[in-house]
C-alpha atoms as a PDB file:
ATOM      1  CA  MET A   1     -85.455  14.692 255.366  1.00  0.00           C
ATOM      2  CA  ASP A   2     -83.956  13.793 258.333  1.00  0.00           C
ATOM      3  CA  ALA A   3     -81.753  16.458 260.471  1.00  0.00           C
ATOM      4  CA  PRO A   4     -77.726  15.680 260.310  1.00  0.00           C
ATOM      5  CA  GLY A   5     -76.627  13.353 262.935  1.00  0.00           C
ATOM      6  CA  GLU A   6     -80.372  11.777 263.456  1.00  0.00           C
ATOM      7  CA  ALA A   7     -80.140   8.688 261.089  1.00  0.00           C
ATOM      8  CA  LEU A   8     -77.188   6.997 259.774  1.00  0.00           C
ATOM      9  CA  ASP A   9     -76.602   7.076 256.220  1.00  0.00           C
ATOM     10  CA  SER A  10     -76.805   3.776 254.180  1.00  0.00           C
ATOM     11  CA  GLU A  11     -72.918   3.487 254.031  1.00  0.00           C
ATOM     12  CA  ALA A  12     -72.397   3.961 257.600  1.00  0.00           C
ATOM     13  CA  ALA A  13     -75.315   1.648 258.760  1.00  0.00           C
ATOM     14  CA  ALA A  14     -73.634  -1.109 256.655  1.00  0.00           C
ATOM     15  CA  ASP A  15     -70.012  -0.358 258.143  1.00  0.00           C
ATOM     16  CA  VAL A  16     -72.083  -0.804 261.720  1.00  0.00           C
ATOM     17  CA  ALA A  17     -73.859  -3.923 260.453  1.00  0.00           C
ATOM     18  CA  GLU A  18     -70.585  -5.392 259.447  1.00  0.00           C
ATOM     19  CA  GLU A  19     -68.853  -4.753 262.791  1.00  0.00           C
ATOM     20  CA  VAL A  20     -71.792  -6.165 264.569  1.00  0.00           C
ATOM     21  CA  HIS A  21     -71.558  -9.465 262.572  1.00  0.00           C
ATOM     22  CA  GLU A  22     -67.803  -9.549 262.647  1.00  0.00           C
ATOM     23  CA  ALA A  23     -67.697  -9.173 266.695  1.00  0.00           C
ATOM     24  CA  PRO A  24     -66.715 -12.786 267.837  1.00  0.00           C
ATOM     25  CA  ILE A  25     -68.766 -14.186 270.602  1.00  0.00           C
ATOM     26  CA  GLY A  26     -67.705 -16.631 273.200  1.00  0.00           C
ATOM     27  CA  PRO A  27     -65.475 -16.175 276.243  1.00  0.00           C
ATOM     28  CA  PRO A  28     -62.753 -13.862 276.212  1.00  0.00           C
ATOM     29  CA  PRO A  29     -59.159 -15.501 275.361  1.00  0.00           C
ATOM     30  CA  ARG A  30     -56.335 -16.434 278.021  1.00  0.00           C
ATOM     31  CA  THR A  31     -53.432 -13.623 278.132  1.00  0.00           C
ATOM     32  CA  TYR A  32     -50.826 -16.182 279.223  1.00  0.00           C
ATOM     33  CA  LEU A  33     -49.358 -12.885 281.457  1.00  0.00           C
ATOM     34  CA  VAL A  34     -48.068 -15.108 284.219  1.00  0.00           C
ATOM     35  CA  ALA A  35     -46.208 -17.648 281.901  1.00  0.00           C
ATOM     36  CA  SER A  36     -44.906 -14.993 279.799  1.00  0.00           C
ATOM     37  CA  LEU A  37     -43.424 -13.513 282.861  1.00  0.00           C
ATOM     38  CA  LEU A  38     -41.970 -16.789 284.338  1.00  0.00           C
ATOM     39  CA  VAL A  39     -40.201 -17.517 280.938  1.00  0.00           C
ATOM     40  CA  ALA A  40     -38.971 -14.124 280.585  1.00  0.00           C
ATOM     41  CA  ALA A  41     -37.654 -14.091 284.192  1.00  0.00           C
ATOM     42  CA  LEU A  42     -36.353 -17.510 284.244  1.00  0.00           C
ATOM     43  CA  LEU A  43     -35.489 -18.735 280.712  1.00  0.00           C
ATOM     44  CA  PHE A  44     -34.682 -16.284 278.290  1.00  0.00           C
ATOM     45  CA  LEU A  45     -35.199 -12.565 278.389  1.00  0.00           C
ATOM     46  CA  PRO A  46     -35.286 -11.282 274.886  1.00  0.00           C
ATOM     47  CA  THR A  47     -37.947 -13.490 273.443  1.00  0.00           C
ATOM     48  CA  GLY A  48     -39.714 -13.476 276.810  1.00  0.00           C
ATOM     49  CA  VAL A  49     -40.164  -9.654 276.740  1.00  0.00           C
ATOM     50  CA  VAL A  50     -41.806 -10.415 273.186  1.00  0.00           C
ATOM     51  CA  ALA A  51     -44.350 -12.678 275.145  1.00  0.00           C
ATOM     52  CA  VAL A  52     -44.895 -10.257 277.718  1.00  0.00           C
ATOM     53  CA  VAL A  53     -45.719  -7.289 275.499  1.00  0.00           C
ATOM     54  CA  PHE A  54     -48.278  -9.923 273.427  1.00  0.00           C
ATOM     55  CA  SER A  55     -49.753 -10.737 276.683  1.00  0.00           C
ATOM     56  CA  LEU A  56     -50.233  -7.360 277.764  1.00  0.00           C
ATOM     57  CA  ARG A  57     -51.718  -6.240 274.439  1.00  0.00           C
ATOM     58  CA  SER A  58     -54.090  -9.104 274.546  1.00  0.00           C
ATOM     59  CA  ARG A  59     -55.348  -7.985 277.922  1.00  0.00           C
ATOM     60  CA  VAL A  60     -55.724  -4.550 276.908  1.00  0.00           C
ATOM     61  CA  LEU A  61     -57.866  -5.472 273.723  1.00  0.00           C
ATOM     62  CA  ILE A  62     -59.948  -7.785 276.044  1.00  0.00           C
ATOM     63  CA  THR A  63     -60.955  -4.703 278.279  1.00  0.00           C
ATOM     64  CA  ARG A  64     -61.661  -2.690 275.114  1.00  0.00           C
ATOM     65  CA  GLY A  65     -64.024  -5.588 274.150  1.00  0.00           C
ATOM     66  CA  ASP A  66     -62.110  -6.197 271.064  1.00  0.00           C
ATOM     67  CA  LEU A  67     -61.963 -10.087 271.244  1.00  0.00           C
ATOM     68  CA  GLY A  68     -60.823 -11.006 267.863  1.00  0.00           C
ATOM     69  CA  ARG A  69     -57.766  -9.059 268.100  1.00  0.00           C
ATOM     70  CA  ALA A  70     -57.330 -10.220 271.610  1.00  0.00           C
ATOM     71  CA  ARG A  71     -57.561 -13.802 270.478  1.00  0.00           C
ATOM     72  CA  TRP A  72     -54.790 -13.066 267.792  1.00  0.00           C
ATOM     73  CA  TYR A  73     -52.379 -11.383 270.559  1.00  0.00           C
ATOM     74  CA  SER A  74     -53.153 -14.390 273.177  1.00  0.00           C
ATOM     75  CA  ARG A  75     -52.262 -17.035 270.337  1.00  0.00           C
ATOM     76  CA  ALA A  76     -49.046 -14.833 269.522  1.00  0.00           C
ATOM     77  CA  ALA A  77     -48.190 -14.710 273.428  1.00  0.00           C
ATOM     78  CA  LEU A  78     -48.659 -18.397 273.879  1.00  0.00           C
ATOM     79  CA  ALA A  79     -46.313 -19.118 270.670  1.00  0.00           C
ATOM     80  CA  ALA A  80     -43.610 -16.678 272.052  1.00  0.00           C
ATOM     81  CA  VAL A  81     -44.192 -18.500 275.545  1.00  0.00           C
ATOM     82  CA  ILE A  82     -43.441 -21.749 273.976  1.00  0.00           C
ATOM     83  CA  VAL A  83     -40.527 -20.402 271.915  1.00  0.00           C
ATOM     84  CA  THR A  84     -38.828 -18.836 274.477  1.00  0.00           C
ATOM     85  CA  ALA A  85     -39.116 -22.036 276.941  1.00  0.00           C
ATOM     86  CA  VAL A  86     -37.681 -24.188 274.241  1.00  0.00           C
ATOM     87  CA  ILE A  87     -34.806 -21.458 273.370  1.00  0.00           C
ATOM     88  CA  GLY A  88     -34.120 -21.073 277.410  1.00  0.00           C
ATOM     89  CA  ILE A  89     -34.020 -24.714 277.939  1.00  0.00           C
ATOM     90  CA  VAL A  90     -31.796 -25.496 274.956  1.00  0.00           C
ATOM     91  CA  VAL A  91     -29.476 -22.742 276.235  1.00  0.00           C
ATOM     92  CA  TYR A  92     -29.481 -24.121 279.674  1.00  0.00           C
ATOM     93  CA  VAL A  93     -28.850 -27.657 278.797  1.00  0.00           C
ATOM     94  CA  ALA A  94     -25.758 -26.260 276.208  1.00  0.00           C
ATOM     95  CA  LEU A  95     -24.210 -24.458 279.120  1.00  0.00           C
ATOM     96  CA  ILE A  96     -24.485 -27.411 281.611  1.00  0.00           C
ATOM     97  CA  GLY A  97     -22.911 -29.827 278.904  1.00  0.00           C
ATOM     98  CA  ALA A  98     -20.332 -27.346 278.360  1.00  0.00           C
ATOM     99  CA  LEU A  99     -19.467 -26.809 281.931  1.00  0.00           C
ATOM    100  CA  LEU A 100     -19.197 -30.726 282.412  1.00  0.00           C
ATOM    101  CA  GLY A 101     -17.135 -31.001 279.350  1.00  0.00           C
ATOM    102  CA  LEU A 102     -14.771 -28.439 281.107  1.00  0.00           C
ATOM    103  CA  GLY A 103     -14.895 -30.254 284.195  1.00  0.00           C
ATOM    104  CA  ALA A 104     -16.227 -27.443 286.272  1.00  0.00           C
ATOM    105  CA  PHE A 105     -18.206 -30.197 288.631  1.00  0.00           C
ATOM    106  CA  SER A 106     -15.497 -32.586 289.027  1.00  0.00           C
ATOM    107  CA  GLY A 107     -14.252 -33.038 292.625  1.00  0.00           C
ATOM    108  CA  SER A 108     -10.469 -32.870 291.431  1.00  0.00           C
ATOM    109  CA  GLY A 109      -9.022 -29.328 291.689  1.00  0.00           C
END
């Protein structure tokens, strides 16, 4: 019989084998950190912060080698960037429309 710690029992070996087969291969995902920072700073801060958090989490998981979860956070960061951009553009267009409607840009004083 092997000494404790020398060999894995069959259950632990199966767990290790599952982890090896589940490990995704391919290039690491994009983190979208720059896009997240830009939409947070320029368009709409509340959802922009969510995008930044997802981007940073993706970056951390890439450095740890957990590419499966990093891909999930990368996709979530991209979705948050898109949502932030849409909300920000809608808010700015509505604000400019309201100011135009009130005559804020008219030359008559």
